[in-house]
């Protein structure tokens, strides 16, 4: 927490039950926004962390013309040649319509194709082309740089704990009301 945010929290505590400033009065003269109201919100911190991580991946992959979703889908195709789009969408999870647009873009670039021997039918098995495999290898090198960057921030043990915790949280299934 920055010292400015801490000072603002302390000032708020000293004011006690005084009427909190409203509208323009609340923000004039302040250089920082008061965030103590979200300090304990898991979703807030997850979103900030996700934004930083995805922005770093996107920055690294930009010269290859890939973003995080393309890299992820290509990685899944590499590990599961012949998988169909429905199974990819269910596994990630990703909306089928978003995946369709992404796959069409990868096909236009010559990075993804229908699996060999498949002529027709509603279920399309997919795989990477040679160009797709080569581009993915370059992207994987950049992704390893990204992981080293995160490890530099968190340390190896904390990063492993974070992944374990996020995996646990992400695999929890909410009950229907």
Protein backbone atom coordinates (compact mmCIF):
# COMPACT_ATOMS: atom_id res chain seq x y z
CA UNK A 1 0.00 0.00 0.00
CA UNK A 2 1.39 3.41 -0.91
CA UNK A 3 2.10 5.94 1.79
CA UNK A 4 -0.41 8.36 0.22
CA UNK A 5 -3.21 5.80 0.43
CA UNK A 6 -2.24 5.00 4.03
CA UNK A 7 -2.30 8.72 4.94
CA UNK A 8 -5.74 9.10 3.40
CA UNK A 9 -6.98 6.10 5.40
CA UNK A 10 -5.56 7.59 8.61
CA UNK A 11 -7.13 10.97 7.85
CA UNK A 12 -10.48 9.26 7.33
CA UNK A 13 -10.14 7.45 10.66
CA UNK A 14 -9.28 10.73 12.47
CA UNK A 15 -12.32 12.48 10.99
CA UNK A 16 -14.48 9.93 12.76
CA UNK A 17 -18.17 10.44 12.21
CA UNK A 18 -17.78 13.71 10.32
CA UNK A 19 -19.77 13.87 7.10
CA UNK A 20 -17.65 12.36 4.31
CA UNK A 21 -16.97 14.78 1.47
CA UNK A 22 -19.13 14.24 -1.62
CA UNK A 23 -18.81 14.88 -5.35
CA UNK A 24 -16.12 17.26 -6.50
CA UNK A 25 -15.37 18.17 -2.88
CA UNK A 26 -14.31 14.54 -2.24
CA UNK A 27 -11.59 14.46 -4.87
CA UNK A 28 -10.35 18.04 -5.17
CA UNK A 29 -6.85 18.43 -3.79
CA UNK A 30 -6.22 14.70 -3.54
CA UNK A 31 -3.52 13.09 -5.64
CA UNK A 32 -4.67 9.50 -4.93
CA UNK A 33 -8.00 7.73 -4.89
CA UNK A 34 -9.04 6.15 -1.59
CA UNK A 35 -8.98 2.39 -2.12
CA UNK A 36 -9.26 1.04 1.41
CA UNK A 37 -12.87 0.07 0.64
CA UNK A 38 -11.62 -2.63 -1.77
CA UNK A 39 -8.44 -3.60 0.09
CA UNK A 40 -9.95 -6.91 1.26
CA UNK A 41 -11.75 -7.75 -2.00
CA UNK A 42 -10.28 -10.85 -3.63
CA UNK A 43 -11.85 -10.05 -7.00
CA UNK A 44 -10.27 -6.59 -7.05
CA UNK A 45 -6.77 -7.97 -6.48
CA UNK A 46 -7.29 -10.85 -8.91
CA UNK A 47 -8.36 -8.40 -11.60
CA UNK A 48 -5.37 -6.09 -11.03
CA UNK A 49 -2.97 -9.04 -11.09
CA UNK A 50 -4.66 -10.50 -14.19
CA UNK A 51 -4.41 -7.17 -15.98
CA UNK A 52 -0.68 -6.86 -15.26
CA UNK A 53 0.03 -10.46 -16.30
CA UNK A 54 -1.99 -10.28 -19.54
CA UNK A 55 -0.52 -6.90 -20.48
CA UNK A 56 3.00 -8.30 -20.08
CA UNK A 57 2.20 -11.39 -22.17
CA UNK A 58 0.52 -9.24 -24.84
CA UNK A 59 3.51 -6.88 -24.98
CA UNK A 60 5.92 -9.77 -25.41
CA UNK A 61 3.80 -11.58 -28.05
CA UNK A 62 2.87 -8.48 -30.07
CA UNK A 63 5.82 -8.81 -32.50
CA UNK A 64 4.49 -12.28 -33.39
CA UNK A 65 0.96 -10.97 -33.94
CA UNK A 66 -0.38 -13.04 -31.06
CA UNK A 67 -2.26 -12.15 -27.93
CA UNK A 68 -2.76 -14.26 -24.81
CA UNK A 69 -5.92 -16.00 -26.15
CA UNK A 70 -4.22 -17.01 -29.43
CA UNK A 71 -1.18 -18.28 -27.55
CA UNK A 72 -3.39 -20.30 -25.20
CA UNK A 73 -5.47 -21.86 -27.99
CA UNK A 74 -2.37 -22.68 -30.05
CA UNK A 75 -0.79 -24.29 -26.98
CA UNK A 76 -3.90 -26.43 -26.45
CA UNK A 77 -3.91 -27.45 -30.13
CA UNK A 78 -0.23 -28.36 -29.94
CA UNK A 79 -0.81 -30.57 -26.89
CA UNK A 80 -4.06 -32.06 -28.27
CA UNK A 81 -3.80 -32.43 -32.08
CA UNK A 82 -7.17 -33.33 -33.56
CA UNK A 83 -9.22 -31.71 -30.79
CA UNK A 84 -12.40 -29.96 -31.88
CA UNK A 85 -13.43 -26.40 -31.12
CA UNK A 86 -16.20 -27.41 -28.71
CA UNK A 87 -13.77 -29.29 -26.48
CA UNK A 88 -11.30 -26.40 -26.57
CA UNK A 89 -14.02 -23.92 -25.57
CA UNK A 90 -15.22 -26.15 -22.72
CA UNK A 91 -11.70 -26.79 -21.46
CA UNK A 92 -10.45 -23.23 -21.25
CA UNK A 93 -13.41 -22.07 -20.60
CA UNK A 94 -14.11 -19.78 -23.50
CA UNK A 95 -17.29 -18.75 -25.26
CA UNK A 96 -17.70 -20.81 -28.42
CA UNK A 97 -18.45 -17.68 -30.47
CA UNK A 98 -15.22 -15.97 -29.30
CA UNK A 99 -13.24 -19.12 -30.04
CA UNK A 100 -14.76 -19.34 -33.54
CA UNK A 101 -13.59 -15.82 -34.36
CA UNK A 102 -10.13 -16.55 -32.94
CA UNK A 103 -9.82 -19.83 -34.89
CA UNK A 104 -10.92 -18.13 -38.12
CA UNK A 105 -8.18 -15.55 -37.62
CA UNK A 106 -5.57 -18.27 -37.00
CA UNK A 107 -6.77 -20.21 -40.08
CA UNK A 108 -6.52 -17.08 -42.27
CA UNK A 109 -2.92 -16.67 -41.10
CA UNK A 110 -2.21 -20.28 -42.04
CA UNK A 111 -1.47 -21.32 -38.44
CA UNK A 112 -4.37 -23.74 -37.88
CA UNK A 113 -6.06 -26.23 -40.19
CA UNK A 114 -8.48 -29.11 -40.12
CA UNK A 115 -6.77 -32.36 -39.23
CA UNK A 116 -5.58 -34.37 -42.23
CA UNK A 117 -8.10 -36.69 -43.81
CA UNK A 118 -11.11 -34.74 -42.60
CA UNK A 119 -13.28 -33.69 -45.51
CA UNK A 120 -16.67 -32.82 -44.09
CA UNK A 121 -18.95 -33.21 -41.12
CA UNK A 122 -20.08 -30.92 -38.35
CA UNK A 123 -17.23 -31.73 -35.94
CA UNK A 124 -13.94 -30.33 -37.17
CA UNK A 125 -10.74 -31.75 -35.75
CA UNK A 126 -8.07 -29.08 -35.65
CA UNK A 127 -4.30 -28.99 -35.58
CA UNK A 128 -1.48 -26.50 -36.03
CA UNK A 129 0.20 -26.16 -39.40
CA UNK A 130 4.00 -26.24 -39.73
CA UNK A 131 3.91 -22.44 -39.67
CA UNK A 132 1.74 -22.57 -36.56
CA UNK A 133 4.16 -24.96 -34.82
CA UNK A 134 7.12 -22.69 -35.67
CA UNK A 135 5.32 -19.56 -34.45
CA UNK A 136 4.23 -21.35 -31.29
CA UNK A 137 7.83 -22.30 -30.52
CA UNK A 138 8.83 -18.62 -30.76
CA UNK A 139 5.85 -17.68 -28.58
CA UNK A 140 6.79 -20.31 -26.01
CA UNK A 141 10.27 -18.78 -25.70
CA UNK A 142 8.66 -15.39 -25.04
CA UNK A 143 6.29 -16.98 -22.54
CA UNK A 144 9.22 -18.49 -20.65
CA UNK A 145 10.68 -14.95 -20.43
CA UNK A 146 7.34 -13.79 -19.03
CA UNK A 147 7.38 -16.56 -16.41
CA UNK A 148 10.93 -15.61 -15.38
CA UNK A 149 9.74 -12.00 -15.05
CA UNK A 150 6.90 -13.06 -12.72
CA UNK A 151 9.24 -15.32 -10.78
CA UNK A 152 11.53 -12.32 -10.31
CA UNK A 153 8.66 -10.46 -8.67
CA UNK A 154 7.26 -13.30 -6.57
CA UNK A 155 10.09 -15.77 -6.14
CA UNK A 156 9.84 -19.42 -7.17
CA UNK A 157 8.09 -20.71 -4.02
CA UNK A 158 5.51 -17.92 -3.84
CA UNK A 159 4.75 -18.34 -7.55
CA UNK A 160 4.20 -22.08 -7.07
CA UNK A 161 1.88 -21.37 -4.11
CA UNK A 162 0.00 -18.76 -6.13
CA UNK A 163 -0.59 -21.19 -9.00
CA UNK A 164 -1.71 -23.88 -6.56
CA UNK A 165 -4.12 -21.45 -4.87
CA UNK A 166 -5.52 -20.12 -8.16
CA UNK A 167 -5.96 -23.68 -9.47
CA UNK A 168 -7.89 -24.57 -6.31
CA UNK A 169 -10.10 -21.48 -6.57
CA UNK A 170 -10.63 -21.94 -10.33
CA UNK A 171 -11.67 -25.58 -10.01
CA UNK A 172 -14.37 -24.87 -7.40
CA UNK A 173 -17.88 -25.39 -8.78
CA UNK A 174 -20.57 -23.06 -7.51
CA UNK A 175 -23.83 -24.71 -6.48
CA UNK A 176 -27.03 -23.70 -8.24
CA UNK A 177 -29.49 -21.78 -6.01
